[in-house]
Amino acid sequence: MSEMIFCQTFGTPCGELILQSVAGKLICCDWSDGWHRATIARRLERAFPHASCLEREDEVIAQTKRQLTEYFAGTRKTFDVPLRFIGTDFQHAVWQELLKLPYGTLTTYGEIARRIGRPGAVRAVGVAVGENPCSILVPCHRVVGANRALTGYGGGFEAKRKLLQIEGLEFDDVSESGAELKVCTSAQFPLAPGA
């Protein structure tokens, strides 16, 4: 018997998300036109080779939509949607660390590498952050470069900027080549030495 994957798209102020769930857990909240969409889709196809996709809302997708709507309205700062990560042990470690990032705070790839006990794996952390299958819920948008510049984001540079603005972070004029935070207190952005 094959597993049933429930699938729906969901429009947000930052773009369209693809929501997918299986067995009562969200497996994907990804940007429909994101640069890493194909990578995530292939990973899910390998994990569920005989699954059927049903374009219908289940309770998990309904819960995800409600919570995302509240987030964009500024009334929700945390999510409690049940998640199921499909990826390597290293990716799981990175994504679990992202879940610990509080609303309105930032960190760097180097700091995440340090926190998971792999300080020399900064680039690998960057790849894992970029392949996060559950955007916004697993807040990879809260990761910036060591120089406090905005870095790439699966939903696009402008979506990342908007998400951080929702969380109270402001920016100077921004461009994809390197935007720095205009307001960045040590409470918002604690940098570990060497991060």
C-alpha atoms as a PDB file:
ATOM      1  CA  MET A   1       0.000   0.000   0.000  1.00  0.00           C
ATOM      2  CA  SER A   2       1.401   3.406  -0.962  1.00  0.00           C
ATOM      3  CA  GLU A   3       1.405   6.442   1.260  1.00  0.00           C
ATOM      4  CA  MET A   4      -0.870   9.357   0.508  1.00  0.00           C
ATOM      5  CA  ILE A   5       0.734  12.784   0.258  1.00  0.00           C
ATOM      6  CA  PHE A   6      -1.662  15.691   0.615  1.00  0.00           C
ATOM      7  CA  CYS A   7      -0.627  18.703  -1.491  1.00  0.00           C
ATOM      8  CA  GLN A   8      -1.826  22.277  -1.778  1.00  0.00           C
ATOM      9  CA  THR A   9      -0.486  25.646  -2.803  1.00  0.00           C
ATOM     10  CA  PHE A  10      -0.850  28.639  -0.505  1.00  0.00           C
ATOM     11  CA  GLY A  11      -0.425  32.275  -1.474  1.00  0.00           C
ATOM     12  CA  THR A  12       1.451  34.568   0.909  1.00  0.00           C
ATOM     13  CA  PRO A  13       2.537  38.221   0.723  1.00  0.00           C
ATOM     14  CA  CYS A  14       6.009  36.895  -0.172  1.00  0.00           C
ATOM     15  CA  GLY A  15       5.005  34.389  -2.844  1.00  0.00           C
ATOM     16  CA  GLU A  16       3.341  31.024  -3.348  1.00  0.00           C
ATOM     17  CA  LEU A  17       4.204  28.073  -1.112  1.00  0.00           C
ATOM     18  CA  ILE A  18       3.764  24.383  -1.839  1.00  0.00           C
ATOM     19  CA  LEU A  19       2.478  22.558   1.241  1.00  0.00           C
ATOM     20  CA  GLN A  20       2.738  18.767   1.481  1.00  0.00           C
ATOM     21  CA  SER A  21       1.946  16.410   4.330  1.00  0.00           C
ATOM     22  CA  VAL A  22       2.016  12.694   4.934  1.00  0.00           C
ATOM     23  CA  ALA A  23       0.723  10.657   7.864  1.00  0.00           C
ATOM     24  CA  GLY A  24      -0.230  13.728   9.884  1.00  0.00           C
ATOM     25  CA  LYS A  25       3.076  15.596   9.501  1.00  0.00           C
ATOM     26  CA  LEU A  26       4.192  18.408   7.236  1.00  0.00           C
ATOM     27  CA  ILE A  27       7.031  17.364   4.922  1.00  0.00           C
ATOM     28  CA  CYS A  28       7.199  20.462   2.734  1.00  0.00           C
ATOM     29  CA  CYS A  29       6.480  24.189   2.915  1.00  0.00           C
ATOM     30  CA  ASP A  30       8.530  25.326  -0.037  1.00  0.00           C
ATOM     31  CA  TRP A  31       8.464  28.255  -2.439  1.00  0.00           C
ATOM     32  CA  SER A  32       6.837  27.164  -5.712  1.00  0.00           C
ATOM     33  CA  ASP A  33       9.389  29.124  -7.738  1.00  0.00           C
ATOM     34  CA  GLY A  34      12.300  28.730  -5.338  1.00  0.00           C
ATOM     35  CA  TRP A  35      15.770  28.086  -6.685  1.00  0.00           C
ATOM     36  CA  HIS A  36      16.057  24.783  -4.794  1.00  0.00           C
ATOM     37  CA  ARG A  37      12.525  23.487  -5.528  1.00  0.00           C
ATOM     38  CA  ALA A  38      13.727  20.679  -7.798  1.00  0.00           C
ATOM     39  CA  THR A  39      16.216  19.427  -5.177  1.00  0.00           C
ATOM     40  CA  ILE A  40      13.533  19.169  -2.510  1.00  0.00           C
ATOM     41  CA  ALA A  41      11.064  17.544  -4.918  1.00  0.00           C
ATOM     42  CA  ARG A  42      13.641  14.863  -5.883  1.00  0.00           C
ATOM     43  CA  ARG A  43      14.408  14.160  -2.213  1.00  0.00           C
ATOM     44  CA  LEU A  44      10.705  13.652  -1.476  1.00  0.00           C
ATOM     45  CA  GLU A  45      10.259  11.450  -4.556  1.00  0.00           C
ATOM     46  CA  ARG A  46      13.120   9.203  -3.346  1.00  0.00           C
ATOM     47  CA  ALA A  47      11.630   9.025   0.157  1.00  0.00           C
ATOM     48  CA  PHE A  48       8.128   8.233  -1.106  1.00  0.00           C
ATOM     49  CA  PRO A  49       8.609   6.404  -4.437  1.00  0.00           C
ATOM     50  CA  HIS A  50       5.141   4.837  -4.467  1.00  0.00           C
ATOM     51  CA  ALA A  51       3.183   7.666  -2.892  1.00  0.00           C
ATOM     52  CA  SER A  52       0.103   9.165  -4.436  1.00  0.00           C
ATOM     53  CA  CYS A  53      -0.369  12.905  -4.328  1.00  0.00           C
ATOM     54  CA  LEU A  54      -3.848  14.133  -3.499  1.00  0.00           C
ATOM     55  CA  GLU A  55      -4.481  17.833  -4.111  1.00  0.00           C
ATOM     56  CA  ARG A  56      -6.537  18.302  -0.996  1.00  0.00           C
ATOM     57  CA  GLU A  57      -6.190  19.901   2.403  1.00  0.00           C
ATOM     58  CA  ASP A  58      -5.751  17.667   5.429  1.00  0.00           C
ATOM     59  CA  GLU A  59      -5.683  18.890   9.051  1.00  0.00           C
ATOM     60  CA  VAL A  60      -1.910  19.485   8.983  1.00  0.00           C
ATOM     61  CA  ILE A  61      -2.107  21.629   5.860  1.00  0.00           C
ATOM     62  CA  ALA A  62      -5.096  23.508   7.311  1.00  0.00           C
ATOM     63  CA  GLN A  63      -3.127  24.102  10.540  1.00  0.00           C
ATOM     64  CA  THR A  64      -0.103  25.277   8.522  1.00  0.00           C
ATOM     65  CA  LYS A  65      -2.231  27.741   6.552  1.00  0.00           C
ATOM     66  CA  ARG A  66      -3.804  29.136   9.726  1.00  0.00           C
ATOM     67  CA  GLN A  67      -0.458  29.591  11.428  1.00  0.00           C
ATOM     68  CA  LEU A  68       1.193  31.160   8.374  1.00  0.00           C
ATOM     69  CA  THR A  69      -1.744  33.564   8.034  1.00  0.00           C
ATOM     70  CA  GLU A  70      -1.300  34.548  11.683  1.00  0.00           C
ATOM     71  CA  TYR A  71       2.461  34.965  11.172  1.00  0.00           C
ATOM     72  CA  PHE A  72       1.963  37.301   8.206  1.00  0.00           C
ATOM     73  CA  ALA A  73      -0.668  39.241  10.198  1.00  0.00           C
ATOM     74  CA  GLY A  74       1.912  39.742  12.959  1.00  0.00           C
ATOM     75  CA  THR A  75      -0.009  37.734  15.583  1.00  0.00           C
ATOM     76  CA  ARG A  76       2.126  34.565  15.641  1.00  0.00           C
ATOM     77  CA  LYS A  77       5.811  34.258  16.532  1.00  0.00           C
ATOM     78  CA  THR A  78       6.179  30.470  16.872  1.00  0.00           C
ATOM     79  CA  PHE A  79       4.803  27.462  15.023  1.00  0.00           C
ATOM     80  CA  ASP A  80       3.657  24.111  16.375  1.00  0.00           C
ATOM     81  CA  VAL A  81       2.876  22.276  13.136  1.00  0.00           C
ATOM     82  CA  PRO A  82       4.110  18.664  13.352  1.00  0.00           C
ATOM     83  CA  LEU A  83       7.082  18.243  10.992  1.00  0.00           C
ATOM     84  CA  ARG A  84       8.761  15.247   9.393  1.00  0.00           C
ATOM     85  CA  PHE A  85      12.202  15.994   7.991  1.00  0.00           C
ATOM     86  CA  ILE A  86      13.388  14.050   4.965  1.00  0.00           C
ATOM     87  CA  GLY A  87      17.159  14.409   4.658  1.00  0.00           C
ATOM     88  CA  THR A  88      20.548  13.334   5.961  1.00  0.00           C
ATOM     89  CA  ASP A  89      21.527  13.269   9.635  1.00  0.00           C
ATOM     90  CA  PHE A  90      23.624  16.389   9.029  1.00  0.00           C
ATOM     91  CA  GLN A  91      20.678  18.220   7.448  1.00  0.00           C
ATOM     92  CA  HIS A  92      18.450  17.170  10.356  1.00  0.00           C
ATOM     93  CA  ALA A  93      20.979  18.611  12.824  1.00  0.00           C
ATOM     94  CA  VAL A  94      21.070  21.927  10.945  1.00  0.00           C
ATOM     95  CA  TRP A  95      17.284  22.129  10.617  1.00  0.00           C
ATOM     96  CA  GLN A  96      16.790  21.293  14.304  1.00  0.00           C
ATOM     97  CA  GLU A  97      19.192  24.121  15.161  1.00  0.00           C
ATOM     98  CA  LEU A  98      17.218  26.508  12.952  1.00  0.00           C
ATOM     99  CA  LEU A  99      14.083  25.643  14.942  1.00  0.00           C
ATOM    100  CA  LYS A 100      15.785  27.094  18.035  1.00  0.00           C
ATOM    101  CA  LEU A 101      16.176  30.570  16.487  1.00  0.00           C
ATOM    102  CA  PRO A 102      13.728  32.952  18.178  1.00  0.00           C
ATOM    103  CA  TYR A 103      11.483  35.289  16.232  1.00  0.00           C
ATOM    104  CA  GLY A 104      13.204  38.569  15.387  1.00  0.00           C
ATOM    105  CA  THR A 105      16.756  37.288  15.903  1.00  0.00           C
ATOM    106  CA  LEU A 106      19.517  36.425  13.474  1.00  0.00           C
ATOM    107  CA  THR A 107      22.467  34.091  13.346  1.00  0.00           C
ATOM    108  CA  THR A 108      25.223  33.145  10.913  1.00  0.00           C
ATOM    109  CA  TYR A 109      26.134  29.943   9.123  1.00  0.00           C
ATOM    110  CA  GLY A 110      29.314  29.823  11.202  1.00  0.00           C
ATOM    111  CA  GLU A 111      27.370  30.051  14.442  1.00  0.00           C
ATOM    112  CA  ILE A 112      25.086  27.190  13.383  1.00  0.00           C
ATOM    113  CA  ALA A 113      28.137  25.097  12.464  1.00  0.00           C
ATOM    114  CA  ARG A 114      29.594  25.779  15.896  1.00  0.00           C
ATOM    115  CA  ARG A 115      26.331  24.949  17.682  1.00  0.00           C
ATOM    116  CA  ILE A 116      26.024  21.553  15.987  1.00  0.00           C
ATOM    117  CA  GLY A 117      29.638  20.720  16.832  1.00  0.00           C
ATOM    118  CA  ARG A 118      30.965  21.069  13.285  1.00  0.00           C
ATOM    119  CA  PRO A 119      32.782  24.441  13.262  1.00  0.00           C
ATOM    120  CA  GLY A 120      34.669  23.605  10.064  1.00  0.00           C
ATOM    121  CA  ALA A 121      31.508  22.771   8.117  1.00  0.00           C
ATOM    122  CA  VAL A 122      30.269  26.305   7.443  1.00  0.00           C
ATOM    123  CA  ARG A 123      29.756  25.747   3.708  1.00  0.00           C
ATOM    124  CA  ALA A 124      27.981  22.436   4.303  1.00  0.00           C
ATOM    125  CA  VAL A 125      25.732  24.231   6.790  1.00  0.00           C
ATOM    126  CA  GLY A 126      24.973  26.795   4.089  1.00  0.00           C
ATOM    127  CA  VAL A 127      23.940  24.032   1.698  1.00  0.00           C
ATOM    128  CA  ALA A 128      21.747  22.373   4.348  1.00  0.00           C
ATOM    129  CA  VAL A 129      20.122  25.703   5.236  1.00  0.00           C
ATOM    130  CA  GLY A 130      19.460  26.275   1.530  1.00  0.00           C
ATOM    131  CA  GLU A 131      17.819  22.870   1.197  1.00  0.00           C
ATOM    132  CA  ASN A 132      15.449  23.388   4.126  1.00  0.00           C
ATOM    133  CA  PRO A 133      12.116  21.872   2.989  1.00  0.00           C
ATOM    134  CA  CYS A 134       9.960  23.857   5.437  1.00  0.00           C
ATOM    135  CA  SER A 135      10.574  27.555   4.816  1.00  0.00           C
ATOM    136  CA  ILE A 136       9.318  30.036   7.415  1.00  0.00           C
ATOM    137  CA  LEU A 137       8.336  27.247   9.866  1.00  0.00           C
ATOM    138  CA  VAL A 138      12.007  26.248  10.030  1.00  0.00           C
ATOM    139  CA  PRO A 139      13.316  29.816   9.959  1.00  0.00           C
ATOM    140  CA  CYS A 140      16.242  29.712   7.550  1.00  0.00           C
ATOM    141  CA  HIS A 141      15.416  33.340   6.684  1.00  0.00           C
ATOM    142  CA  ARG A 142      17.006  34.266  10.050  1.00  0.00           C
ATOM    143  CA  VAL A 143      20.475  33.246   8.830  1.00  0.00           C
ATOM    144  CA  VAL A 144      22.779  35.951   7.454  1.00  0.00           C
ATOM    145  CA  GLY A 145      26.414  36.162   6.421  1.00  0.00           C
ATOM    146  CA  ALA A 146      29.222  36.650   8.932  1.00  0.00           C
ATOM    147  CA  ASN A 147      29.430  40.290   7.806  1.00  0.00           C
ATOM    148  CA  ARG A 148      25.724  40.736   8.679  1.00  0.00           C
ATOM    149  CA  ALA A 149      24.790  40.869   4.990  1.00  0.00           C
ATOM    150  CA  LEU A 150      21.663  39.242   3.658  1.00  0.00           C
ATOM    151  CA  THR A 151      22.465  36.030   1.830  1.00  0.00           C
ATOM    152  CA  GLY A 152      20.515  33.888  -0.618  1.00  0.00           C
ATOM    153  CA  TYR A 153      17.094  32.480   0.165  1.00  0.00           C
ATOM    154  CA  GLY A 154      14.978  29.827  -1.544  1.00  0.00           C
ATOM    155  CA  GLY A 155      12.047  32.213  -1.853  1.00  0.00           C
ATOM    156  CA  GLY A 156      14.248  34.955  -3.248  1.00  0.00           C
ATOM    157  CA  PHE A 157      16.104  37.870  -1.761  1.00  0.00           C
ATOM    158  CA  GLU A 158      13.020  40.110  -1.548  1.00  0.00           C
ATOM    159  CA  ALA A 159      10.991  37.441   0.304  1.00  0.00           C
ATOM    160  CA  LYS A 160      13.785  37.072   2.880  1.00  0.00           C
ATOM    161  CA  ARG A 161      13.904  40.817   3.392  1.00  0.00           C
ATOM    162  CA  LYS A 162      10.105  40.977   3.854  1.00  0.00           C
ATOM    163  CA  LEU A 163      10.097  38.084   6.347  1.00  0.00           C
ATOM    164  CA  LEU A 164      12.780  39.764   8.432  1.00  0.00           C
ATOM    165  CA  GLN A 165      10.896  43.064   8.276  1.00  0.00           C
ATOM    166  CA  ILE A 166       7.783  41.307   9.615  1.00  0.00           C
ATOM    167  CA  GLU A 167       9.973  40.259  12.537  1.00  0.00           C
ATOM    168  CA  GLY A 168      11.049  43.843  13.199  1.00  0.00           C
ATOM    169  CA  LEU A 169      14.420  44.019  11.438  1.00  0.00           C
ATOM    170  CA  GLU A 170      15.049  47.009   9.166  1.00  0.00           C
ATOM    171  CA  PHE A 171      17.485  47.384   6.301  1.00  0.00           C
ATOM    172  CA  ASP A 172      19.394  50.016   4.429  1.00  0.00           C
ATOM    173  CA  ASP A 173      18.846  50.102   0.696  1.00  0.00           C
ATOM    174  CA  VAL A 174      19.077  46.488  -0.282  1.00  0.00           C
ATOM    175  CA  SER A 175      20.516  44.730  -3.247  1.00  0.00           C
ATOM    176  CA  GLU A 176      21.255  41.094  -3.771  1.00  0.00           C
ATOM    177  CA  SER A 177      24.957  41.833  -3.896  1.00  0.00           C
ATOM    178  CA  GLY A 178      25.040  42.665  -0.204  1.00  0.00           C
ATOM    179  CA  ALA A 179      22.681  44.441   2.159  1.00  0.00           C
ATOM    180  CA  GLU A 180      23.584  45.123   5.725  1.00  0.00           C
ATOM    181  CA  LEU A 181      21.256  45.511   8.651  1.00  0.00           C
ATOM    182  CA  LYS A 182      20.484  49.088   9.574  1.00  0.00           C
ATOM    183  CA  VAL A 183      19.250  48.167  13.057  1.00  0.00           C
ATOM    184  CA  CYS A 184      21.112  45.308  14.625  1.00  0.00           C
ATOM    185  CA  THR A 185      21.510  45.199  18.394  1.00  0.00           C
ATOM    186  CA  SER A 186      23.594  42.568  20.128  1.00  0.00           C
ATOM    187  CA  ALA A 187      20.361  41.055  21.460  1.00  0.00           C
ATOM    188  CA  GLN A 188      19.091  40.643  17.899  1.00  0.00           C
ATOM    189  CA  PHE A 189      22.331  39.396  16.460  1.00  0.00           C
ATOM    190  CA  PRO A 190      24.809  37.893  18.905  1.00  0.00           C
ATOM    191  CA  LEU A 191      27.976  36.962  17.044  1.00  0.00           C
ATOM    192  CA  ALA A 192      30.242  34.326  18.480  1.00  0.00           C
ATOM    193  CA  PRO A 193      33.966  35.013  18.040  1.00  0.00           C
ATOM    194  CA  GLY A 194      34.985  33.882  14.588  1.00  0.00           C
ATOM    195  CA  ALA A 195      31.408  33.438  13.355  1.00  0.00           C
END
